[in-house]
Amino acid sequence: KIDKLNFELARLRRWQFDAKTEAMTAAQRLLFAEALAEDEASLRAKLAELQRGLPEAPKTPKAPPRKPRRQALPAHLERVEHRH
């Protein structure tokens, strides 16, 4: 149901913000904006109500940041290789 409401919100946003091929009068635009705002508010309320009913997922702690690798030794130092 949450996915359905998110889809409906996306569709309403597309209608509101997409390019328009038909010209609307100011009165039509005002009516559409009012209806859109009412629909979006009711959908947001339903979505919030559904999300309140979901069990809260435990928050996983973030992994500690990785330490940077060591920088290469300077070239003027002698390098000794031991092969086993």
Protein backbone atom coordinates (compact mmCIF):
# COMPACT_ATOMS: atom_id res chain seq x y z
CA LYS A 1 0.00 0.00 0.00
CA ILE A 2 2.94 2.33 0.73
CA ASP A 3 4.34 1.71 -2.76
CA LYS A 4 0.93 2.46 -4.24
CA LEU A 5 0.73 5.79 -2.38
CA ASN A 6 4.30 6.71 -3.36
CA PHE A 7 3.41 5.96 -6.99
CA GLU A 8 0.32 8.18 -6.72
CA LEU A 9 2.41 11.02 -5.25
CA ALA A 10 4.92 10.68 -8.08
CA ARG A 11 2.10 10.79 -10.63
CA LEU A 12 0.64 13.92 -9.09
CA ARG A 13 4.04 15.59 -9.07
CA ARG A 14 4.51 14.73 -12.75
CA TRP A 15 1.16 16.32 -13.51
CA GLN A 16 2.11 19.41 -11.55
CA PHE A 17 5.67 19.92 -12.78
CA ASP A 18 5.83 18.30 -16.25
CA ALA A 19 5.74 20.32 -19.43
CA LYS A 20 2.24 21.21 -20.48
CA THR A 21 1.09 20.86 -24.06
CA GLU A 22 -2.34 22.35 -23.45
CA ALA A 23 -2.80 25.88 -22.21
CA MET A 24 -4.92 26.31 -19.08
CA THR A 25 -6.72 29.40 -17.99
CA ALA A 26 -5.85 30.97 -14.66
CA ALA A 27 -9.09 29.67 -13.11
CA GLN A 28 -8.40 26.12 -14.31
CA ARG A 29 -4.84 26.31 -13.03
CA LEU A 30 -6.05 27.51 -9.62
CA LEU A 31 -8.64 24.71 -9.35
CA PHE A 32 -6.05 22.14 -10.38
CA ALA A 33 -3.50 23.44 -7.87
CA GLU A 34 -6.08 23.33 -5.05
CA ALA A 35 -7.17 19.80 -5.93
CA LEU A 36 -3.57 18.69 -6.24
CA ALA A 37 -2.66 20.16 -2.85
CA GLU A 38 -5.64 18.44 -1.21
CA ASP A 39 -4.84 15.09 -2.83
CA GLU A 40 -1.18 15.31 -1.93
CA ALA A 41 -1.97 16.25 1.68
CA SER A 42 -4.38 13.33 2.07
CA LEU A 43 -1.88 10.92 0.50
CA ARG A 44 0.90 12.17 2.78
CA ALA A 45 -1.37 11.69 5.81
CA LYS A 46 -2.23 8.13 4.74
CA LEU A 47 1.44 7.38 4.10
CA ALA A 48 2.45 8.73 7.51
CA GLU A 49 -0.31 6.67 9.16
CA LEU A 50 0.88 3.51 7.42
CA GLN A 51 4.50 4.17 8.32
CA ARG A 52 3.55 4.65 11.98
CA GLY A 53 2.03 1.17 11.92
CA LEU A 54 5.22 -0.46 10.67
CA PRO A 55 7.57 -1.97 13.24
CA GLU A 56 10.63 0.17 13.75
CA ALA A 57 13.70 -1.33 12.15
CA PRO A 58 16.73 -1.48 14.43
CA LYS A 59 19.37 1.00 13.43
CA THR A 60 22.65 -0.62 12.49
CA PRO A 61 25.74 1.21 13.66
CA LYS A 62 27.90 2.66 10.96
CA ALA A 63 31.17 0.94 10.21
CA PRO A 64 34.17 2.84 11.55
CA PRO A 65 35.96 4.86 8.88
CA ARG A 66 38.79 3.02 7.20
CA LYS A 67 42.27 4.09 8.09
CA PRO A 68 44.28 5.38 5.16
CA ARG A 69 47.02 3.14 3.85
CA ARG A 70 50.56 4.01 4.66
CA GLN A 71 52.40 6.23 2.28
CA ALA A 72 55.24 4.74 0.27
CA LEU A 73 58.70 4.95 1.77
CA PRO A 74 60.95 7.63 0.33
CA ALA A 75 63.05 6.56 -2.67
CA HIS A 76 66.39 7.38 -1.03
CA LEU A 77 65.97 4.66 1.62
CA GLU A 78 67.60 1.31 0.96
CA ARG A 79 65.18 -1.47 0.27
CA VAL A 80 65.92 -4.97 1.55
CA GLU A 81 63.81 -7.90 0.37
CA HIS A 82 63.65 -11.17 2.30
CA ARG A 83 62.29 -14.14 0.36
CA HIS A 84 61.13 -17.19 2.29
